Amino acid sequence: MPKVKLNDVAIECRETIKGETGLPVVGLEHLIPGEVCLTQWSEDSDNTFTKRFRKGQVLFGRRRAYLKKAAVVPFDGICSGDITVIAAKPDVLEPELLPFIIQNDALFDYAVGHSAGSLSPRVKWEHLKNYEFQLPDRAQQRELARLLWAVEDARRAYQTLIQWSEELVKSQFPFGLTECAFSDSGFRGCA
């Protein structure tokens, strides 16, 4: 597999927008560490953000990269200046694979190593674009993206199942789970 730089397969999107309201707003607080897909945002129209992003692009939290905040977006909107908007070059990279290239420990380690500032370190695209990794051919990219999205879908379904299970248990014990006792042998009762 050939080695490529991030800049060979992706670009930083620098589109700005002023005066348009009603778009979803994404700040660093909406990017959840380790999550591939954006699940939180704001509808607040009273903000100063002007950086535009488009559906399918990846938002990378460039401030405090050690927090590992990056996610693909399911809609168009605007975001904080502390977020780098990244899009795949579709003639070279399957766009569905980009979120997994960005959301990985090796890239975040690289970003942390190239961040500047002590109190609130930030990494610039000028450094991030030089991140190197191996890239398979287009057929393998498509297959890899399909497999990774299947794993991501299964992981999210499992999280939903856990959440529903917890809600079911809470509905059966309206006084709260903190008052229930569990041991190695199982449920002991509730106070």
N, C-alpha and C. Protein backbone atom coordinates (compact mmCIF):
# COMPACT_ATOMS: atom_id res chain seq x y z
N MET A 1 0.84 -1.18 0.00
CA MET A 1 0.00 0.00 0.00
C MET A 1 0.88 1.25 0.00
N PRO A 2 0.55 2.20 -0.83
CA PRO A 2 1.34 3.43 -0.85
C PRO A 2 1.04 4.32 0.36
N LYS A 3 2.05 5.07 0.78
CA LYS A 3 1.86 6.05 1.84
C LYS A 3 1.46 7.37 1.22
N VAL A 4 0.50 8.03 1.85
CA VAL A 4 0.03 9.33 1.38
C VAL A 4 -0.01 10.30 2.55
N LYS A 5 -0.06 11.58 2.23
CA LYS A 5 -0.27 12.60 3.24
C LYS A 5 -1.76 12.94 3.24
N LEU A 6 -2.25 13.41 4.37
CA LEU A 6 -3.66 13.77 4.47
C LEU A 6 -4.03 14.77 3.38
N ASN A 7 -3.12 15.70 3.09
CA ASN A 7 -3.37 16.71 2.07
C ASN A 7 -3.51 16.11 0.66
N ASP A 8 -2.99 14.90 0.44
CA ASP A 8 -3.13 14.24 -0.86
C ASP A 8 -4.56 13.76 -1.09
N VAL A 9 -5.29 13.50 -0.01
CA VAL A 9 -6.61 12.88 -0.13
C VAL A 9 -7.75 13.73 0.45
N ALA A 10 -7.41 14.84 1.10
CA ALA A 10 -8.43 15.67 1.74
C ALA A 10 -8.02 17.14 1.68
N ILE A 11 -9.00 18.01 1.83
CA ILE A 11 -8.75 19.45 1.84
C ILE A 11 -9.38 20.08 3.08
N GLU A 12 -8.82 21.21 3.47
CA GLU A 12 -9.46 22.02 4.51
C GLU A 12 -10.46 22.92 3.80
N CYS A 13 -11.69 22.93 4.28
CA CYS A 13 -12.73 23.78 3.71
C CYS A 13 -12.78 25.08 4.52
N ARG A 14 -12.65 26.19 3.85
CA ARG A 14 -12.59 27.49 4.52
C ARG A 14 -13.77 28.39 4.15
N GLU A 15 -14.86 27.80 3.78
CA GLU A 15 -16.03 28.58 3.39
C GLU A 15 -16.61 29.29 4.62
N THR A 16 -16.96 30.55 4.45
CA THR A 16 -17.60 31.30 5.54
C THR A 16 -18.96 31.78 5.08
N ILE A 17 -19.76 32.12 6.06
CA ILE A 17 -21.11 32.57 5.80
C ILE A 17 -21.46 33.65 6.81
N LYS A 18 -22.11 34.69 6.34
CA LYS A 18 -22.50 35.78 7.25
C LYS A 18 -23.94 36.15 6.99
N GLY A 19 -24.64 36.39 8.07
CA GLY A 19 -26.00 36.89 7.96
C GLY A 19 -27.08 35.85 7.77
N GLU A 20 -26.75 34.61 7.45
CA GLU A 20 -27.76 33.57 7.27
C GLU A 20 -28.07 32.95 8.62
N THR A 21 -29.34 32.88 8.96
CA THR A 21 -29.74 32.29 10.23
C THR A 21 -30.53 31.02 9.98
N GLY A 22 -30.76 30.28 11.05
CA GLY A 22 -31.54 29.06 10.95
C GLY A 22 -30.72 27.81 10.69
N LEU A 23 -29.40 27.97 10.53
CA LEU A 23 -28.55 26.79 10.33
C LEU A 23 -28.16 26.19 11.67
N PRO A 24 -28.03 24.87 11.74
CA PRO A 24 -27.52 24.25 12.96
C PRO A 24 -26.11 24.76 13.28
N VAL A 25 -25.81 24.85 14.57
CA VAL A 25 -24.55 25.39 15.04
C VAL A 25 -23.79 24.31 15.81
N VAL A 26 -22.49 24.16 15.51
CA VAL A 26 -21.67 23.17 16.19
C VAL A 26 -20.48 23.87 16.81
N GLY A 27 -20.34 23.70 18.13
CA GLY A 27 -19.18 24.20 18.86
C GLY A 27 -18.36 23.00 19.33
N LEU A 28 -17.21 23.27 19.90
CA LEU A 28 -16.37 22.17 20.41
C LEU A 28 -17.11 21.31 21.43
N GLU A 29 -18.01 21.93 22.18
CA GLU A 29 -18.75 21.18 23.21
C GLU A 29 -19.68 20.13 22.61
N HIS A 30 -19.98 20.24 21.32
CA HIS A 30 -20.87 19.29 20.67
C HIS A 30 -20.13 18.07 20.10
N LEU A 31 -18.83 18.17 19.98
CA LEU A 31 -18.03 17.05 19.49
C LEU A 31 -17.70 16.13 20.66
N ILE A 32 -18.14 14.89 20.59
CA ILE A 32 -17.96 13.92 21.66
C ILE A 32 -16.69 13.11 21.39
N PRO A 33 -15.76 13.08 22.34
CA PRO A 33 -14.51 12.33 22.12
C PRO A 33 -14.78 10.88 21.70
N GLY A 34 -14.11 10.48 20.64
CA GLY A 34 -14.21 9.10 20.18
C GLY A 34 -15.42 8.78 19.32
N GLU A 35 -16.36 9.69 19.16
CA GLU A 35 -17.56 9.43 18.35
C GLU A 35 -17.29 9.79 16.89
N VAL A 36 -17.65 8.91 15.99
CA VAL A 36 -17.42 9.13 14.56
C VAL A 36 -18.49 10.05 13.96
N CYS A 37 -19.70 9.98 14.48
CA CYS A 37 -20.82 10.77 13.95
C CYS A 37 -21.23 11.86 14.92
N LEU A 38 -21.55 13.01 14.38
CA LEU A 38 -22.05 14.11 15.20
C LEU A 38 -23.46 13.79 15.68
N THR A 39 -23.68 13.88 17.00
CA THR A 39 -24.99 13.58 17.55
C THR A 39 -25.58 14.76 18.33
N GLN A 40 -24.78 15.82 18.53
CA GLN A 40 -25.25 16.98 19.29
C GLN A 40 -24.94 18.24 18.50
N TRP A 41 -25.81 19.23 18.63
CA TRP A 41 -25.61 20.55 18.02
C TRP A 41 -26.60 21.50 18.65
N SER A 42 -26.56 22.74 18.23
CA SER A 42 -27.45 23.75 18.77
C SER A 42 -28.22 24.38 17.61
N GLU A 43 -29.38 24.90 17.93
CA GLU A 43 -30.17 25.66 16.95
C GLU A 43 -30.10 27.15 17.28
N ASP A 44 -29.16 27.52 18.14
CA ASP A 44 -29.00 28.90 18.59
C ASP A 44 -28.60 29.81 17.43
N SER A 45 -29.41 30.80 17.16
CA SER A 45 -29.10 31.73 16.07
C SER A 45 -28.31 32.94 16.57
N ASP A 46 -28.13 33.04 17.88
CA ASP A 46 -27.41 34.16 18.47
C ASP A 46 -25.97 33.74 18.78
N ASN A 47 -25.15 33.67 17.74
CA ASN A 47 -23.75 33.28 17.91
C ASN A 47 -22.90 34.06 16.91
N THR A 48 -21.61 33.96 17.05
CA THR A 48 -20.70 34.69 16.17
C THR A 48 -19.98 33.79 15.18
N PHE A 49 -20.37 32.52 15.09
CA PHE A 49 -19.70 31.58 14.18
C PHE A 49 -19.99 31.94 12.73
N THR A 50 -18.99 31.80 11.88
CA THR A 50 -19.16 32.09 10.46
C THR A 50 -18.61 30.99 9.56
N LYS A 51 -17.96 29.97 10.14
CA LYS A 51 -17.36 28.90 9.34
C LYS A 51 -18.44 27.91 8.92
N ARG A 52 -18.56 27.72 7.63
CA ARG A 52 -19.61 26.84 7.10
C ARG A 52 -19.08 25.43 6.88
N PHE A 53 -19.95 24.45 7.13
CA PHE A 53 -19.64 23.06 6.79
C PHE A 53 -20.82 22.48 6.03
N ARG A 54 -20.54 21.41 5.30
CA ARG A 54 -21.55 20.75 4.49
C ARG A 54 -21.68 19.28 4.89
N LYS A 55 -22.85 18.74 4.63
CA LYS A 55 -23.14 17.34 4.94
C LYS A 55 -22.04 16.43 4.40
N GLY A 56 -21.56 15.50 5.24
CA GLY A 56 -20.55 14.54 4.83
C GLY A 56 -19.12 14.97 5.11
N GLN A 57 -18.92 16.24 5.46
CA GLN A 57 -17.58 16.70 5.81
C GLN A 57 -17.28 16.30 7.25
N VAL A 58 -16.01 16.36 7.62
CA VAL A 58 -15.59 15.98 8.97
C VAL A 58 -15.17 17.23 9.72
N LEU A 59 -15.69 17.36 10.93
CA LEU A 59 -15.31 18.46 11.81
C LEU A 59 -14.25 17.94 12.77
N PHE A 60 -13.11 18.62 12.80
CA PHE A 60 -11.98 18.21 13.63
C PHE A 60 -11.71 19.30 14.66
N GLY A 61 -11.81 18.95 15.95
CA GLY A 61 -11.54 19.91 17.02
C GLY A 61 -10.04 20.19 17.11
N ARG A 62 -9.61 21.33 16.56
CA ARG A 62 -8.17 21.62 16.49
C ARG A 62 -7.63 22.17 17.80
N ARG A 63 -8.49 22.61 18.70
CA ARG A 63 -8.07 23.08 20.01
C ARG A 63 -8.10 21.90 20.98
N ARG A 64 -6.98 21.72 21.70
CA ARG A 64 -6.84 20.60 22.63
C ARG A 64 -7.12 19.26 21.94
N ALA A 65 -6.32 18.97 20.92
CA ALA A 65 -6.50 17.76 20.11
C ALA A 65 -6.43 16.48 20.93
N TYR A 66 -5.81 16.55 22.11
CA TYR A 66 -5.74 15.36 22.97
C TYR A 66 -7.12 14.90 23.43
N LEU A 67 -8.14 15.73 23.26
CA LEU A 67 -9.50 15.35 23.62
C LEU A 67 -10.15 14.44 22.57
N LYS A 68 -9.51 14.32 21.41
CA LYS A 68 -9.94 13.42 20.34
C LYS A 68 -11.37 13.70 19.87
N LYS A 69 -11.60 14.95 19.48
CA LYS A 69 -12.92 15.36 19.03
C LYS A 69 -12.92 15.54 17.51
N ALA A 70 -13.66 14.68 16.84
CA ALA A 70 -13.85 14.77 15.39
C ALA A 70 -15.10 13.97 15.04
N ALA A 71 -15.86 14.45 14.07
CA ALA A 71 -17.08 13.74 13.68
C ALA A 71 -17.52 14.15 12.29
N VAL A 72 -18.14 13.21 11.58
CA VAL A 72 -18.74 13.50 10.29
C VAL A 72 -20.11 14.13 10.56
N VAL A 73 -20.50 15.11 9.72
CA VAL A 73 -21.76 15.82 9.96
C VAL A 73 -22.86 15.35 9.01
N PRO A 74 -24.09 15.19 9.54
CA PRO A 74 -25.20 14.70 8.72
C PRO A 74 -26.03 15.81 8.07
N PHE A 75 -25.56 17.07 8.14
CA PHE A 75 -26.33 18.19 7.61
C PHE A 75 -25.39 19.37 7.36
N ASP A 76 -25.87 20.39 6.71
CA ASP A 76 -25.12 21.64 6.52
C ASP A 76 -25.31 22.51 7.75
N GLY A 77 -24.29 23.33 8.08
CA GLY A 77 -24.41 24.23 9.22
C GLY A 77 -23.20 25.13 9.35
N ILE A 78 -23.05 25.71 10.54
CA ILE A 78 -21.91 26.57 10.84
C ILE A 78 -21.25 26.08 12.12
N CYS A 79 -19.94 26.40 12.25
CA CYS A 79 -19.22 25.90 13.41
C CYS A 79 -18.20 26.90 13.92
N SER A 80 -17.65 26.58 15.05
CA SER A 80 -16.64 27.37 15.74
C SER A 80 -15.36 27.47 14.90
N GLY A 81 -14.63 28.56 15.10
CA GLY A 81 -13.34 28.74 14.46
C GLY A 81 -12.29 27.78 15.00
N ASP A 82 -12.55 27.14 16.15
CA ASP A 82 -11.63 26.15 16.70
C ASP A 82 -11.87 24.76 16.14
N ILE A 83 -12.67 24.71 15.09
CA ILE A 83 -12.94 23.45 14.39
C ILE A 83 -12.41 23.58 12.97
N THR A 84 -11.67 22.57 12.53
CA THR A 84 -11.22 22.51 11.15
C THR A 84 -12.21 21.64 10.38
N VAL A 85 -12.69 22.17 9.25
CA VAL A 85 -13.62 21.44 8.40
C VAL A 85 -12.81 20.74 7.31
N ILE A 86 -12.96 19.42 7.20
CA ILE A 86 -12.17 18.62 6.28
C ILE A 86 -13.09 17.84 5.34
N ALA A 87 -12.77 17.87 4.05
CA ALA A 87 -13.53 17.13 3.05
C ALA A 87 -12.60 16.23 2.25
N ALA A 88 -13.11 15.08 1.85
CA ALA A 88 -12.33 14.14 1.03
C ALA A 88 -12.20 14.68 -0.39
N LYS A 89 -11.10 14.34 -1.04
CA LYS A 89 -10.96 14.56 -2.48
C LYS A 89 -11.53 13.29 -3.12
N PRO A 90 -12.78 13.35 -3.61
CA PRO A 90 -13.46 12.12 -4.04
C PRO A 90 -12.81 11.38 -5.20
N ASP A 91 -11.93 12.03 -5.95
CA ASP A 91 -11.26 11.34 -7.04
C ASP A 91 -10.12 10.45 -6.53
N VAL A 92 -9.73 10.62 -5.25
CA VAL A 92 -8.62 9.87 -4.67
C VAL A 92 -9.06 9.02 -3.48
N LEU A 93 -10.02 9.52 -2.71
CA LEU A 93 -10.44 8.88 -1.46
C LEU A 93 -11.94 8.71 -1.42
N GLU A 94 -12.38 7.53 -1.02
CA GLU A 94 -13.81 7.30 -0.79
C GLU A 94 -14.23 8.20 0.38
N PRO A 95 -15.16 9.13 0.15
CA PRO A 95 -15.56 10.05 1.23
C PRO A 95 -16.05 9.34 2.50
N GLU A 96 -16.64 8.15 2.35
CA GLU A 96 -17.14 7.40 3.51
C GLU A 96 -16.02 6.89 4.41
N LEU A 97 -14.79 6.86 3.89
CA LEU A 97 -13.65 6.39 4.67
C LEU A 97 -13.00 7.51 5.48
N LEU A 98 -13.17 8.76 5.03
CA LEU A 98 -12.51 9.90 5.69
C LEU A 98 -12.78 9.99 7.20
N PRO A 99 -14.00 9.81 7.68
CA PRO A 99 -14.21 9.92 9.13
C PRO A 99 -13.34 8.97 9.94
N PHE A 100 -13.06 7.80 9.40
CA PHE A 100 -12.26 6.81 10.13
C PHE A 100 -10.76 7.11 10.03
N ILE A 101 -10.36 7.78 8.97
CA ILE A 101 -8.97 8.22 8.86
C ILE A 101 -8.72 9.33 9.88
N ILE A 102 -9.69 10.23 10.01
CA ILE A 102 -9.55 11.35 10.95
C ILE A 102 -9.71 10.87 12.39
N GLN A 103 -10.72 10.06 12.66
CA GLN A 103 -11.01 9.63 14.03
C GLN A 103 -10.19 8.40 14.38
N ASN A 104 -8.88 8.58 14.54
CA ASN A 104 -8.03 7.47 14.96
C ASN A 104 -6.90 7.99 15.83
N ASP A 105 -6.41 7.14 16.71
CA ASP A 105 -5.40 7.55 17.69
C ASP A 105 -4.12 8.06 17.05
N ALA A 106 -3.68 7.45 15.94
CA ALA A 106 -2.44 7.88 15.31
C ALA A 106 -2.52 9.32 14.82
N LEU A 107 -3.65 9.69 14.21
CA LEU A 107 -3.80 11.06 13.76
C LEU A 107 -3.86 12.03 14.94
N PHE A 108 -4.59 11.65 15.99
CA PHE A 108 -4.66 12.54 17.15
C PHE A 108 -3.31 12.68 17.83
N ASP A 109 -2.53 11.60 17.91
CA ASP A 109 -1.18 11.70 18.47
C ASP A 109 -0.33 12.65 17.64
N TYR A 110 -0.45 12.55 16.32
CA TYR A 110 0.27 13.45 15.42
C TYR A 110 -0.16 14.90 15.67
N ALA A 111 -1.47 15.12 15.79
CA ALA A 111 -2.00 16.46 16.01
C ALA A 111 -1.50 17.05 17.33
N VAL A 112 -1.50 16.24 18.38
CA VAL A 112 -1.01 16.71 19.68
C VAL A 112 0.47 17.09 19.58
N GLY A 113 1.25 16.27 18.89
CA GLY A 113 2.67 16.53 18.73
C GLY A 113 2.98 17.78 17.92
N HIS A 114 2.02 18.23 17.12
CA HIS A 114 2.23 19.41 16.28
C HIS A 114 1.39 20.61 16.74
N SER A 115 0.81 20.51 17.93
CA SER A 115 0.03 21.62 18.48
C SER A 115 0.95 22.67 19.09
N ALA A 116 0.51 23.92 19.04
CA ALA A 116 1.29 25.02 19.62
C ALA A 116 0.43 25.73 20.66
N GLY A 117 1.09 26.18 21.72
CA GLY A 117 0.41 26.87 22.81
C GLY A 117 0.40 26.02 24.06
N SER A 118 0.45 26.67 25.20
CA SER A 118 0.53 25.90 26.44
C SER A 118 -0.82 25.80 27.14
N LEU A 119 -1.55 26.89 27.25
CA LEU A 119 -2.82 26.87 27.97
C LEU A 119 -3.93 26.20 27.15
N SER A 120 -3.99 26.53 25.87
CA SER A 120 -5.02 25.99 24.99
C SER A 120 -4.39 25.64 23.64
N PRO A 121 -3.62 24.54 23.60
CA PRO A 121 -2.87 24.22 22.37
C PRO A 121 -3.80 23.94 21.19
N ARG A 122 -3.36 24.43 20.02
CA ARG A 122 -4.12 24.25 18.79
C ARG A 122 -3.20 23.70 17.71
N VAL A 123 -3.76 22.90 16.84
CA VAL A 123 -3.02 22.40 15.68
C VAL A 123 -3.60 23.07 14.44
N LYS A 124 -2.73 23.47 13.55
CA LYS A 124 -3.17 24.11 12.30
C LYS A 124 -3.22 23.07 11.19
N TRP A 125 -4.05 23.35 10.18
CA TRP A 125 -4.11 22.49 9.01
C TRP A 125 -2.74 22.39 8.34
N GLU A 126 -1.98 23.46 8.39
CA GLU A 126 -0.65 23.48 7.79
C GLU A 126 0.23 22.34 8.32
N HIS A 127 0.01 21.93 9.55
CA HIS A 127 0.74 20.81 10.13
C HIS A 127 -0.03 19.50 9.93
N LEU A 128 -1.32 19.55 10.18
CA LEU A 128 -2.16 18.35 10.10
C LEU A 128 -2.13 17.73 8.70
N LYS A 129 -2.05 18.56 7.68
CA LYS A 129 -2.09 18.06 6.30
C LYS A 129 -0.91 17.16 5.96
N ASN A 130 0.16 17.21 6.77
CA ASN A 130 1.34 16.39 6.52
C ASN A 130 1.30 15.02 7.20
N TYR A 131 0.22 14.72 7.89
CA TYR A 131 0.05 13.41 8.52
C TYR A 131 0.10 12.33 7.44
N GLU A 132 0.95 11.32 7.63
CA GLU A 132 1.11 10.25 6.64
C GLU A 132 0.46 8.95 7.12
N PHE A 133 -0.12 8.23 6.16
CA PHE A 133 -0.74 6.94 6.44
C PHE A 133 -0.79 6.13 5.16
N GLN A 134 -1.02 4.84 5.30
CA GLN A 134 -1.12 3.97 4.13
C GLN A 134 -2.55 3.98 3.62
N LEU A 135 -2.68 4.06 2.30
CA LEU A 135 -4.01 4.12 1.69
C LEU A 135 -4.17 2.99 0.68
N PRO A 136 -5.16 2.12 0.87
CA PRO A 136 -5.39 1.04 -0.09
C PRO A 136 -5.99 1.58 -1.39
N ASP A 137 -6.11 0.70 -2.39
CA ASP A 137 -6.71 1.12 -3.66
C ASP A 137 -8.21 1.36 -3.47
N ARG A 138 -8.86 1.90 -4.51
CA ARG A 138 -10.26 2.32 -4.38
C ARG A 138 -11.20 1.17 -4.02
N ALA A 139 -11.00 0.01 -4.60
CA ALA A 139 -11.87 -1.13 -4.27
C ALA A 139 -11.73 -1.51 -2.80
N GLN A 140 -10.52 -1.53 -2.30
CA GLN A 140 -10.29 -1.84 -0.89
C GLN A 140 -10.82 -0.72 0.01
N GLN A 141 -10.72 0.52 -0.44
CA GLN A 141 -11.28 1.64 0.34
C GLN A 141 -12.79 1.47 0.51
N ARG A 142 -13.47 1.13 -0.58
CA ARG A 142 -14.93 0.93 -0.52
C ARG A 142 -15.29 -0.19 0.44
N GLU A 143 -14.57 -1.30 0.35
CA GLU A 143 -14.84 -2.45 1.23
C GLU A 143 -14.53 -2.11 2.69
N LEU A 144 -13.42 -1.44 2.91
CA LEU A 144 -13.05 -1.03 4.27
C LEU A 144 -14.08 -0.07 4.85
N ALA A 145 -14.52 0.91 4.06
CA ALA A 145 -15.55 1.85 4.52
C ALA A 145 -16.83 1.11 4.86
N ARG A 146 -17.23 0.15 3.99
CA ARG A 146 -18.45 -0.62 4.25
C ARG A 146 -18.36 -1.37 5.57
N LEU A 147 -17.22 -2.03 5.80
CA LEU A 147 -17.03 -2.78 7.04
C LEU A 147 -17.00 -1.87 8.26
N LEU A 148 -16.28 -0.77 8.18
CA LEU A 148 -16.18 0.15 9.33
C LEU A 148 -17.53 0.77 9.66
N TRP A 149 -18.33 1.12 8.65
CA TRP A 149 -19.66 1.66 8.93
C TRP A 149 -20.58 0.60 9.51
N ALA A 150 -20.41 -0.65 9.10
CA ALA A 150 -21.22 -1.74 9.68
C ALA A 150 -20.88 -1.90 11.16
N VAL A 151 -19.60 -1.83 11.49
CA VAL A 151 -19.18 -1.91 12.90
C VAL A 151 -19.73 -0.72 13.68
N GLU A 152 -19.64 0.47 13.09
CA GLU A 152 -20.15 1.68 13.76
C GLU A 152 -21.66 1.58 13.98
N ASP A 153 -22.39 1.10 12.99
CA ASP A 153 -23.84 0.93 13.14
C ASP A 153 -24.17 -0.06 14.24
N ALA A 154 -23.43 -1.17 14.31
CA ALA A 154 -23.64 -2.16 15.36
C ALA A 154 -23.33 -1.58 16.74
N ARG A 155 -22.25 -0.79 16.83
CA ARG A 155 -21.87 -0.17 18.10
C ARG A 155 -22.96 0.79 18.58
N ARG A 156 -23.48 1.59 17.66
CA ARG A 156 -24.54 2.55 18.03
C ARG A 156 -25.82 1.81 18.43
N ALA A 157 -26.16 0.73 17.71
CA ALA A 157 -27.35 -0.07 18.07
C ALA A 157 -27.19 -0.68 19.46
N TYR A 158 -25.99 -1.14 19.77
CA TYR A 158 -25.71 -1.71 21.09
C TYR A 158 -25.85 -0.64 22.17
N GLN A 159 -25.35 0.57 21.91
CA GLN A 159 -25.50 1.66 22.88
C GLN A 159 -26.96 1.99 23.11
N THR A 160 -27.74 1.99 22.05
CA THR A 160 -29.18 2.26 22.17
C THR A 160 -29.86 1.18 23.00
N LEU A 161 -29.49 -0.07 22.77
CA LEU A 161 -30.05 -1.18 23.53
C LEU A 161 -29.73 -1.04 25.02
N ILE A 162 -28.51 -0.68 25.33
CA ILE A 162 -28.12 -0.47 26.74
C ILE A 162 -28.95 0.66 27.35
N GLN A 163 -29.10 1.75 26.61
CA GLN A 163 -29.87 2.90 27.12
C GLN A 163 -31.33 2.49 27.37
N TRP A 164 -31.93 1.78 26.44
CA TRP A 164 -33.32 1.32 26.61
C TRP A 164 -33.43 0.38 27.80
N SER A 165 -32.44 -0.49 27.97
CA SER A 165 -32.45 -1.42 29.10
C SER A 165 -32.39 -0.67 30.42
N GLU A 166 -31.53 0.33 30.49
CA GLU A 166 -31.43 1.13 31.71
C GLU A 166 -32.74 1.85 32.01
N GLU A 167 -33.39 2.38 30.96
CA GLU A 167 -34.67 3.07 31.15
C GLU A 167 -35.74 2.09 31.62
N LEU A 168 -35.71 0.88 31.09
CA LEU A 168 -36.67 -0.14 31.53
C LEU A 168 -36.47 -0.47 33.00
N VAL A 169 -35.24 -0.67 33.42
CA VAL A 169 -34.95 -0.97 34.81
C VAL A 169 -35.39 0.19 35.70
N LYS A 170 -35.09 1.41 35.28
CA LYS A 170 -35.47 2.59 36.08
C LYS A 170 -36.99 2.70 36.21
N SER A 171 -37.72 2.31 35.16
CA SER A 171 -39.18 2.39 35.22
C SER A 171 -39.74 1.37 36.21
N GLN A 172 -39.03 0.28 36.44
CA GLN A 172 -39.46 -0.74 37.37
C GLN A 172 -39.10 -0.39 38.82
N PHE A 173 -38.12 0.48 38.97
CA PHE A 173 -37.65 0.91 40.29
C PHE A 173 -37.67 2.44 40.33
N PRO A 174 -38.85 3.04 40.47
CA PRO A 174 -38.98 4.49 40.37
C PRO A 174 -38.22 5.27 41.45
N PHE A 175 -37.80 4.61 42.52
CA PHE A 175 -37.09 5.30 43.60
C PHE A 175 -35.61 5.46 43.27
N GLY A 176 -35.15 4.89 42.20
CA GLY A 176 -33.76 5.08 41.77
C GLY A 176 -32.90 3.86 41.97
N LEU A 177 -32.01 3.67 41.05
CA LEU A 177 -31.10 2.53 41.12
C LEU A 177 -30.04 2.69 42.19
N THR A 178 -29.81 3.91 42.64
CA THR A 178 -28.77 4.12 43.66
C THR A 178 -29.18 3.50 44.98
N GLU A 179 -30.46 3.21 45.15
CA GLU A 179 -30.93 2.62 46.39
C GLU A 179 -31.00 1.10 46.32
N CYS A 180 -30.61 0.53 45.18
CA CYS A 180 -30.63 -0.91 45.02
C CYS A 180 -29.24 -1.47 45.25
N ALA A 181 -29.20 -2.69 45.79
CA ALA A 181 -27.91 -3.32 46.10
C ALA A 181 -27.69 -4.52 45.19
N PHE A 182 -26.45 -4.61 44.71
CA PHE A 182 -26.06 -5.73 43.87
C PHE A 182 -24.82 -6.37 44.50
N SER A 183 -24.68 -7.67 44.31
CA SER A 183 -23.49 -8.36 44.78
C SER A 183 -22.97 -9.23 43.66
N ASP A 184 -21.88 -9.96 43.93
CA ASP A 184 -21.32 -10.85 42.93
C ASP A 184 -22.32 -11.92 42.51
N SER A 185 -23.22 -12.27 43.42
CA SER A 185 -24.19 -13.31 43.11
C SER A 185 -25.46 -12.75 42.48
N GLY A 186 -25.53 -11.41 42.29
CA GLY A 186 -26.67 -10.82 41.62
C GLY A 186 -27.37 -9.77 42.46
N PHE A 187 -28.63 -9.57 42.14
CA PHE A 187 -29.45 -8.54 42.78
C PHE A 187 -29.79 -8.95 44.19
N ARG A 188 -29.56 -8.04 45.17
CA ARG A 188 -29.85 -8.36 46.56
C ARG A 188 -31.10 -7.67 47.07
N GLY A 189 -31.54 -6.62 46.42
CA GLY A 189 -32.75 -5.94 46.86
C GLY A 189 -32.56 -4.44 46.87
N CYS A 190 -33.63 -3.77 47.21
CA CYS A 190 -33.62 -2.31 47.25
C CYS A 190 -34.08 -1.83 48.62
N ALA A 191 -33.52 -0.70 49.00
CA ALA A 191 -33.89 -0.10 50.30
C ALA A 191 -35.09 0.78 50.13
